[in-house]
Amino acid sequence: MQGIDECLLEAMRLPGARGAALVDWTSGLALGAVGEAPGGDQEAAAAEAAELARLAAEQRAFASESPGAVEPSGSSGTAEAGPAGQQPDPPVEDLILSNRDSYHVLRFVPTSFDSSVFLHLWLARAEGNLALARIRLGEMAGRLELE
């Protein structure tokens, strides 16, 4: 298990990492951030990334179709608690947005409580390894301890 700061510092060790943040996609607030921010403003970058995350997470078209997956309920798009009050995994694992010079990887973080957080990694396209970043962010999300 690792805390927010350790997780973000680990993300910054990935090849091509320019910045990383842990963001609450309900409020748009960054719970922690390191490195540069896209557009130069951490708060604005967190809010804009949260809009994208919220849009993907709340759409039925992007939900898992695997057996046992929890479907979003009602119009809010939030999932109901699973057996014994356990919270379901987020409806989307990750999002990847690319432009001419960078990648943005948003990795949703499963938690033991009703949460809506994701890791946002900003990678320089020339130096970054998208496959490695996606794998490592998944590992980091699994070890992240939120209280």
N, C-alpha and C. Protein backbone atom coordinates (compact mmCIF):
# COMPACT_ATOMS: atom_id res chain seq x y z
N MET A 1 0.84 -1.18 0.00
CA MET A 1 0.00 0.00 0.00
C MET A 1 0.88 1.25 0.00
N GLN A 2 0.46 2.25 -0.71
CA GLN A 2 1.21 3.49 -0.74
C GLN A 2 0.26 4.67 -0.73
N GLY A 3 0.76 5.80 -0.24
CA GLY A 3 -0.04 7.01 -0.17
C GLY A 3 0.00 7.77 -1.48
N ILE A 4 -0.72 8.87 -1.50
CA ILE A 4 -0.86 9.68 -2.70
C ILE A 4 0.49 10.22 -3.17
N ASP A 5 1.27 10.79 -2.27
CA ASP A 5 2.55 11.38 -2.67
C ASP A 5 3.50 10.34 -3.26
N GLU A 6 3.59 9.18 -2.62
CA GLU A 6 4.48 8.12 -3.13
C GLU A 6 4.02 7.65 -4.50
N CYS A 7 2.72 7.52 -4.67
CA CYS A 7 2.17 7.07 -5.95
C CYS A 7 2.49 8.06 -7.07
N LEU A 8 2.30 9.34 -6.79
CA LEU A 8 2.55 10.36 -7.81
C LEU A 8 4.04 10.45 -8.15
N LEU A 9 4.89 10.31 -7.14
CA LEU A 9 6.34 10.33 -7.41
C LEU A 9 6.75 9.12 -8.24
N GLU A 10 6.14 7.97 -7.97
CA GLU A 10 6.42 6.79 -8.78
C GLU A 10 5.98 7.01 -10.23
N ALA A 11 4.84 7.65 -10.42
CA ALA A 11 4.36 7.94 -11.78
C ALA A 11 5.34 8.85 -12.51
N MET A 12 5.95 9.77 -11.81
CA MET A 12 6.89 10.70 -12.44
C MET A 12 8.19 10.02 -12.87
N ARG A 13 8.45 8.82 -12.38
CA ARG A 13 9.64 8.08 -12.80
C ARG A 13 9.43 7.33 -14.13
N LEU A 14 8.21 7.34 -14.64
CA LEU A 14 7.96 6.70 -15.93
C LEU A 14 8.60 7.52 -17.04
N PRO A 15 9.13 6.85 -18.08
CA PRO A 15 9.75 7.57 -19.19
C PRO A 15 8.78 8.57 -19.82
N GLY A 16 9.22 9.81 -19.96
CA GLY A 16 8.43 10.85 -20.61
C GLY A 16 7.41 11.54 -19.73
N ALA A 17 7.34 11.17 -18.44
CA ALA A 17 6.34 11.79 -17.55
C ALA A 17 6.60 13.28 -17.41
N ARG A 18 5.57 14.07 -17.64
CA ARG A 18 5.68 15.52 -17.48
C ARG A 18 4.94 15.99 -16.24
N GLY A 19 3.88 15.30 -15.88
CA GLY A 19 3.11 15.65 -14.69
C GLY A 19 2.16 14.54 -14.33
N ALA A 20 1.76 14.51 -13.06
CA ALA A 20 0.82 13.50 -12.58
C ALA A 20 -0.05 14.11 -11.49
N ALA A 21 -1.28 13.63 -11.42
CA ALA A 21 -2.20 14.13 -10.40
C ALA A 21 -3.18 13.03 -10.03
N LEU A 22 -3.68 13.11 -8.81
CA LEU A 22 -4.80 12.28 -8.38
C LEU A 22 -5.98 13.24 -8.27
N VAL A 23 -7.05 12.94 -9.00
CA VAL A 23 -8.16 13.87 -9.14
C VAL A 23 -9.47 13.20 -8.74
N ASP A 24 -10.32 13.94 -8.04
CA ASP A 24 -11.67 13.50 -7.75
C ASP A 24 -12.54 13.95 -8.91
N TRP A 25 -13.12 12.99 -9.65
CA TRP A 25 -13.87 13.39 -10.84
C TRP A 25 -15.26 13.92 -10.54
N THR A 26 -15.72 13.82 -9.30
CA THR A 26 -17.00 14.42 -8.94
C THR A 26 -16.85 15.91 -8.74
N SER A 27 -15.81 16.30 -8.00
CA SER A 27 -15.62 17.72 -7.69
C SER A 27 -14.67 18.42 -8.65
N GLY A 28 -13.80 17.66 -9.32
CA GLY A 28 -12.80 18.27 -10.19
C GLY A 28 -11.58 18.77 -9.44
N LEU A 29 -11.44 18.40 -8.18
CA LEU A 29 -10.30 18.86 -7.38
C LEU A 29 -9.14 17.87 -7.44
N ALA A 30 -7.93 18.40 -7.52
CA ALA A 30 -6.74 17.57 -7.45
C ALA A 30 -6.45 17.28 -5.99
N LEU A 31 -6.35 16.00 -5.64
CA LEU A 31 -6.03 15.59 -4.27
C LEU A 31 -4.52 15.61 -4.06
N GLY A 32 -3.78 15.65 -5.14
CA GLY A 32 -2.33 15.74 -5.12
C GLY A 32 -1.84 15.91 -6.54
N ALA A 33 -0.71 16.58 -6.71
CA ALA A 33 -0.16 16.80 -8.05
C ALA A 33 1.33 17.02 -7.96
N VAL A 34 2.06 16.54 -8.98
CA VAL A 34 3.50 16.75 -9.08
C VAL A 34 3.85 17.05 -10.52
N GLY A 35 4.98 17.69 -10.73
CA GLY A 35 5.45 18.00 -12.07
C GLY A 35 4.69 19.15 -12.70
N GLU A 36 4.75 19.20 -14.02
CA GLU A 36 4.09 20.25 -14.78
C GLU A 36 2.59 19.95 -14.90
N ALA A 37 1.84 20.96 -15.25
CA ALA A 37 0.41 20.79 -15.53
C ALA A 37 0.14 21.18 -16.97
N PRO A 38 -0.70 20.41 -17.66
CA PRO A 38 -1.08 20.82 -19.01
C PRO A 38 -1.71 22.21 -18.95
N GLY A 39 -1.24 23.12 -19.76
CA GLY A 39 -1.76 24.48 -19.74
C GLY A 39 -1.18 25.34 -18.64
N GLY A 40 -0.32 24.76 -17.79
CA GLY A 40 0.35 25.52 -16.75
C GLY A 40 -0.42 25.72 -15.46
N ASP A 41 -1.64 25.23 -15.35
CA ASP A 41 -2.46 25.44 -14.16
C ASP A 41 -2.99 24.11 -13.66
N GLN A 42 -2.50 23.65 -12.48
CA GLN A 42 -2.90 22.35 -11.93
C GLN A 42 -4.41 22.28 -11.69
N GLU A 43 -4.99 23.32 -11.11
CA GLU A 43 -6.42 23.30 -10.78
C GLU A 43 -7.28 23.21 -12.04
N ALA A 44 -6.94 23.99 -13.05
CA ALA A 44 -7.70 23.97 -14.29
C ALA A 44 -7.54 22.62 -15.00
N ALA A 45 -6.32 22.08 -15.00
CA ALA A 45 -6.08 20.79 -15.64
C ALA A 45 -6.88 19.69 -14.94
N ALA A 46 -6.93 19.72 -13.60
CA ALA A 46 -7.70 18.73 -12.84
C ALA A 46 -9.18 18.83 -13.17
N ALA A 47 -9.71 20.04 -13.20
CA ALA A 47 -11.13 20.23 -13.49
C ALA A 47 -11.48 19.77 -14.90
N GLU A 48 -10.62 20.06 -15.86
CA GLU A 48 -10.89 19.67 -17.24
C GLU A 48 -10.77 18.16 -17.42
N ALA A 49 -9.78 17.54 -16.79
CA ALA A 49 -9.64 16.09 -16.86
C ALA A 49 -10.83 15.41 -16.17
N ALA A 50 -11.31 16.00 -15.08
CA ALA A 50 -12.47 15.44 -14.36
C ALA A 50 -13.72 15.44 -15.25
N GLU A 51 -13.90 16.48 -16.05
CA GLU A 51 -15.04 16.51 -16.97
C GLU A 51 -14.99 15.35 -17.94
N LEU A 52 -13.81 15.07 -18.48
CA LEU A 52 -13.63 13.96 -19.42
C LEU A 52 -13.88 12.63 -18.71
N ALA A 53 -13.31 12.46 -17.52
CA ALA A 53 -13.48 11.23 -16.76
C ALA A 53 -14.95 10.99 -16.42
N ARG A 54 -15.62 12.02 -15.96
CA ARG A 54 -17.03 11.92 -15.58
C ARG A 54 -17.87 11.54 -16.80
N LEU A 55 -17.60 12.15 -17.93
CA LEU A 55 -18.34 11.85 -19.14
C LEU A 55 -18.20 10.37 -19.51
N ALA A 56 -16.99 9.84 -19.47
CA ALA A 56 -16.78 8.44 -19.82
C ALA A 56 -17.38 7.50 -18.78
N ALA A 57 -17.21 7.80 -17.50
CA ALA A 57 -17.67 6.91 -16.44
C ALA A 57 -19.19 6.84 -16.35
N GLU A 58 -19.87 7.87 -16.73
CA GLU A 58 -21.32 7.90 -16.57
C GLU A 58 -22.09 7.43 -17.80
N GLN A 59 -21.39 7.04 -18.85
CA GLN A 59 -22.06 6.62 -20.07
C GLN A 59 -22.16 5.10 -20.14
N ARG A 60 -23.33 4.60 -20.32
CA ARG A 60 -23.58 3.16 -20.39
C ARG A 60 -22.81 2.51 -21.55
N ALA A 61 -22.59 3.23 -22.63
CA ALA A 61 -21.90 2.66 -23.79
C ALA A 61 -20.47 2.24 -23.47
N PHE A 62 -19.88 2.82 -22.42
CA PHE A 62 -18.50 2.51 -22.08
C PHE A 62 -18.38 1.53 -20.92
N ALA A 63 -19.50 1.09 -20.35
CA ALA A 63 -19.48 0.19 -19.20
C ALA A 63 -19.08 -1.22 -19.64
N SER A 64 -18.52 -1.96 -18.72
CA SER A 64 -18.11 -3.33 -18.98
C SER A 64 -19.33 -4.20 -19.27
N GLU A 65 -19.16 -5.15 -20.17
CA GLU A 65 -20.23 -6.09 -20.47
C GLU A 65 -19.94 -7.45 -19.88
N SER A 66 -18.88 -7.58 -19.10
CA SER A 66 -18.52 -8.88 -18.55
C SER A 66 -19.51 -9.32 -17.48
N PRO A 67 -19.70 -10.64 -17.31
CA PRO A 67 -20.62 -11.13 -16.30
C PRO A 67 -20.19 -10.64 -14.92
N GLY A 68 -21.15 -10.25 -14.12
CA GLY A 68 -20.86 -9.79 -12.77
C GLY A 68 -20.50 -8.33 -12.68
N ALA A 69 -20.37 -7.66 -13.81
CA ALA A 69 -20.06 -6.24 -13.78
C ALA A 69 -21.27 -5.48 -13.26
N VAL A 70 -21.03 -4.45 -12.50
CA VAL A 70 -22.12 -3.67 -11.95
C VAL A 70 -22.45 -2.56 -12.92
N GLU A 71 -23.70 -2.51 -13.33
CA GLU A 71 -24.15 -1.49 -14.26
C GLU A 71 -24.44 -0.19 -13.53
N PRO A 72 -24.24 0.95 -14.16
CA PRO A 72 -24.62 2.20 -13.52
C PRO A 72 -26.13 2.19 -13.25
N SER A 73 -26.54 2.75 -12.13
CA SER A 73 -27.96 2.78 -11.79
C SER A 73 -28.51 4.19 -11.92
N GLY A 74 -29.75 4.30 -12.31
CA GLY A 74 -30.40 5.60 -12.39
C GLY A 74 -29.73 6.53 -13.38
N SER A 75 -30.09 7.78 -13.30
CA SER A 75 -29.54 8.76 -14.23
C SER A 75 -28.21 9.33 -13.77
N SER A 76 -27.84 9.06 -12.50
CA SER A 76 -26.59 9.63 -12.00
C SER A 76 -25.38 8.89 -12.52
N GLY A 77 -25.57 7.64 -12.97
CA GLY A 77 -24.45 6.88 -13.51
C GLY A 77 -23.59 6.26 -12.44
N THR A 78 -23.96 6.34 -11.18
CA THR A 78 -23.17 5.73 -10.13
C THR A 78 -23.58 4.29 -9.95
N ALA A 79 -22.63 3.46 -9.61
CA ALA A 79 -22.91 2.05 -9.42
C ALA A 79 -23.33 1.79 -7.99
N GLU A 80 -24.15 0.74 -7.81
CA GLU A 80 -24.58 0.37 -6.48
C GLU A 80 -23.53 -0.50 -5.83
N ALA A 81 -23.54 -0.54 -4.51
CA ALA A 81 -22.59 -1.38 -3.78
C ALA A 81 -22.85 -2.84 -4.10
N GLY A 82 -21.78 -3.60 -4.13
CA GLY A 82 -21.87 -5.02 -4.42
C GLY A 82 -22.18 -5.81 -3.16
N PRO A 83 -21.87 -7.13 -3.17
CA PRO A 83 -22.15 -7.98 -2.03
C PRO A 83 -21.46 -7.48 -0.77
N ALA A 84 -22.13 -7.64 0.35
CA ALA A 84 -21.59 -7.26 1.66
C ALA A 84 -21.13 -5.82 1.72
N GLY A 85 -21.75 -4.94 0.93
CA GLY A 85 -21.42 -3.52 0.98
C GLY A 85 -20.14 -3.13 0.28
N GLN A 86 -19.49 -4.07 -0.42
CA GLN A 86 -18.26 -3.73 -1.14
C GLN A 86 -18.60 -2.82 -2.31
N GLN A 87 -17.73 -1.85 -2.53
CA GLN A 87 -17.95 -0.96 -3.67
C GLN A 87 -17.47 -1.65 -4.94
N PRO A 88 -18.19 -1.47 -6.04
CA PRO A 88 -17.79 -2.08 -7.31
C PRO A 88 -16.57 -1.35 -7.88
N ASP A 89 -15.93 -2.03 -8.82
CA ASP A 89 -14.84 -1.38 -9.54
C ASP A 89 -15.43 -0.24 -10.35
N PRO A 90 -14.61 0.77 -10.67
CA PRO A 90 -15.11 1.86 -11.52
C PRO A 90 -15.61 1.28 -12.86
N PRO A 91 -16.56 1.92 -13.50
CA PRO A 91 -17.13 1.40 -14.74
C PRO A 91 -16.14 1.42 -15.91
N VAL A 92 -15.12 2.24 -15.84
CA VAL A 92 -14.11 2.35 -16.89
C VAL A 92 -12.74 2.14 -16.23
N GLU A 93 -11.85 1.38 -16.87
CA GLU A 93 -10.50 1.21 -16.32
C GLU A 93 -9.64 2.44 -16.55
N ASP A 94 -9.52 2.82 -17.81
CA ASP A 94 -8.70 3.99 -18.11
C ASP A 94 -9.13 4.64 -19.41
N LEU A 95 -8.68 5.87 -19.58
CA LEU A 95 -8.90 6.63 -20.80
C LEU A 95 -7.54 7.09 -21.31
N ILE A 96 -7.38 7.09 -22.61
CA ILE A 96 -6.14 7.58 -23.21
C ILE A 96 -6.51 8.63 -24.24
N LEU A 97 -5.95 9.81 -24.07
CA LEU A 97 -6.17 10.90 -25.01
C LEU A 97 -4.80 11.26 -25.57
N SER A 98 -4.71 11.36 -26.88
CA SER A 98 -3.43 11.72 -27.49
C SER A 98 -3.58 12.96 -28.35
N ASN A 99 -2.50 13.72 -28.41
CA ASN A 99 -2.43 14.84 -29.33
C ASN A 99 -1.06 14.78 -30.01
N ARG A 100 -0.69 15.81 -30.73
CA ARG A 100 0.55 15.76 -31.50
C ARG A 100 1.81 15.53 -30.67
N ASP A 101 1.83 16.06 -29.44
CA ASP A 101 3.08 15.97 -28.68
C ASP A 101 2.98 15.27 -27.34
N SER A 102 1.78 14.79 -26.96
CA SER A 102 1.69 14.16 -25.65
C SER A 102 0.53 13.17 -25.56
N TYR A 103 0.57 12.39 -24.49
CA TYR A 103 -0.51 11.48 -24.14
C TYR A 103 -1.03 11.88 -22.76
N HIS A 104 -2.31 11.69 -22.56
CA HIS A 104 -2.92 11.86 -21.24
C HIS A 104 -3.56 10.51 -20.92
N VAL A 105 -3.14 9.91 -19.82
CA VAL A 105 -3.70 8.63 -19.39
C VAL A 105 -4.44 8.88 -18.09
N LEU A 106 -5.71 8.56 -18.08
CA LEU A 106 -6.54 8.69 -16.88
C LEU A 106 -6.89 7.28 -16.42
N ARG A 107 -6.39 6.90 -15.25
CA ARG A 107 -6.62 5.56 -14.70
C ARG A 107 -7.54 5.68 -13.49
N PHE A 108 -8.71 5.06 -13.58
CA PHE A 108 -9.66 5.09 -12.48
C PHE A 108 -9.16 4.20 -11.35
N VAL A 109 -9.36 4.64 -10.12
CA VAL A 109 -8.84 3.95 -8.94
C VAL A 109 -9.98 3.29 -8.18
N PRO A 110 -9.96 1.95 -8.09
CA PRO A 110 -10.97 1.28 -7.27
C PRO A 110 -10.64 1.48 -5.79
N THR A 111 -11.65 1.71 -4.97
CA THR A 111 -11.44 1.91 -3.54
C THR A 111 -12.46 1.10 -2.75
N SER A 112 -12.25 1.02 -1.45
CA SER A 112 -13.16 0.27 -0.58
C SER A 112 -14.34 1.13 -0.14
N PHE A 113 -14.38 2.38 -0.55
CA PHE A 113 -15.49 3.27 -0.21
C PHE A 113 -16.00 3.91 -1.50
N ASP A 114 -17.11 4.58 -1.40
CA ASP A 114 -17.71 5.21 -2.57
C ASP A 114 -16.83 6.36 -3.03
N SER A 115 -15.99 6.09 -4.00
CA SER A 115 -15.06 7.12 -4.46
C SER A 115 -15.21 7.36 -5.94
N SER A 116 -14.60 8.41 -6.38
CA SER A 116 -14.62 8.76 -7.79
C SER A 116 -13.29 9.45 -8.09
N VAL A 117 -12.21 8.71 -7.97
CA VAL A 117 -10.89 9.29 -8.20
C VAL A 117 -10.18 8.57 -9.33
N PHE A 118 -9.27 9.31 -9.95
CA PHE A 118 -8.46 8.73 -11.01
C PHE A 118 -7.06 9.35 -10.96
N LEU A 119 -6.11 8.59 -11.50
CA LEU A 119 -4.75 9.09 -11.69
C LEU A 119 -4.67 9.69 -13.09
N HIS A 120 -4.11 10.87 -13.20
CA HIS A 120 -3.92 11.53 -14.50
C HIS A 120 -2.43 11.65 -14.72
N LEU A 121 -1.93 10.98 -15.75
CA LEU A 121 -0.52 11.04 -16.11
C LEU A 121 -0.40 11.74 -17.45
N TRP A 122 0.47 12.76 -17.48
CA TRP A 122 0.74 13.49 -18.71
C TRP A 122 2.11 13.08 -19.20
N LEU A 123 2.18 12.49 -20.40
CA LEU A 123 3.42 11.98 -20.97
C LEU A 123 3.82 12.74 -22.22
N ALA A 124 5.11 13.02 -22.35
CA ALA A 124 5.63 13.55 -23.61
C ALA A 124 5.62 12.40 -24.62
N ARG A 125 5.06 12.64 -25.77
CA ARG A 125 4.90 11.58 -26.76
C ARG A 125 6.23 11.02 -27.26
N ALA A 126 7.23 11.87 -27.45
CA ALA A 126 8.51 11.43 -28.00
C ALA A 126 9.26 10.50 -27.04
N GLU A 127 9.14 10.73 -25.73
CA GLU A 127 9.88 9.92 -24.76
C GLU A 127 9.02 8.89 -24.05
N GLY A 128 7.71 9.07 -24.08
CA GLY A 128 6.82 8.22 -23.31
C GLY A 128 6.59 6.86 -23.94
N ASN A 129 6.29 5.90 -23.09
CA ASN A 129 5.92 4.57 -23.53
C ASN A 129 4.50 4.33 -23.02
N LEU A 130 3.54 4.44 -23.91
CA LEU A 130 2.13 4.39 -23.53
C LEU A 130 1.75 3.03 -22.92
N ALA A 131 2.23 1.95 -23.49
CA ALA A 131 1.89 0.63 -22.95
C ALA A 131 2.45 0.46 -21.54
N LEU A 132 3.69 0.83 -21.34
CA LEU A 132 4.30 0.73 -20.01
C LEU A 132 3.57 1.62 -19.02
N ALA A 133 3.23 2.83 -19.42
CA ALA A 133 2.53 3.76 -18.53
C ALA A 133 1.18 3.19 -18.11
N ARG A 134 0.47 2.60 -19.04
CA ARG A 134 -0.84 2.04 -18.73
C ARG A 134 -0.71 0.88 -17.74
N ILE A 135 0.24 0.02 -17.94
CA ILE A 135 0.46 -1.11 -17.03
C ILE A 135 0.84 -0.62 -15.65
N ARG A 136 1.81 0.28 -15.59
CA ARG A 136 2.28 0.77 -14.29
C ARG A 136 1.21 1.56 -13.54
N LEU A 137 0.42 2.36 -14.26
CA LEU A 137 -0.66 3.09 -13.59
C LEU A 137 -1.68 2.13 -12.99
N GLY A 138 -1.95 1.04 -13.67
CA GLY A 138 -2.85 0.02 -13.14
C GLY A 138 -2.31 -0.57 -11.85
N GLU A 139 -1.00 -0.85 -11.84
CA GLU A 139 -0.37 -1.38 -10.63
C GLU A 139 -0.42 -0.36 -9.50
N MET A 140 -0.12 0.90 -9.82
CA MET A 140 -0.14 1.95 -8.81
C MET A 140 -1.54 2.14 -8.24
N ALA A 141 -2.54 2.10 -9.10
CA ALA A 141 -3.93 2.28 -8.65
C ALA A 141 -4.31 1.18 -7.67
N GLY A 142 -3.80 -0.03 -7.90
CA GLY A 142 -4.10 -1.15 -7.02
C GLY A 142 -3.44 -1.04 -5.66
N ARG A 143 -2.31 -0.35 -5.60
CA ARG A 143 -1.57 -0.19 -4.34
C ARG A 143 -1.93 1.09 -3.59
N LEU A 144 -2.62 1.99 -4.24
CA LEU A 144 -2.91 3.29 -3.65
C LEU A 144 -3.84 3.15 -2.45
N GLU A 145 -3.46 3.76 -1.35
CA GLU A 145 -4.27 3.71 -0.14
C GLU A 145 -4.86 5.09 0.11
N LEU A 146 -6.18 5.16 0.06
CA LEU A 146 -6.88 6.42 0.29
C LEU A 146 -7.66 6.31 1.59
N GLU A 147 -7.58 7.34 2.41
CA GLU A 147 -8.31 7.32 3.68
C GLU A 147 -9.21 8.52 3.78
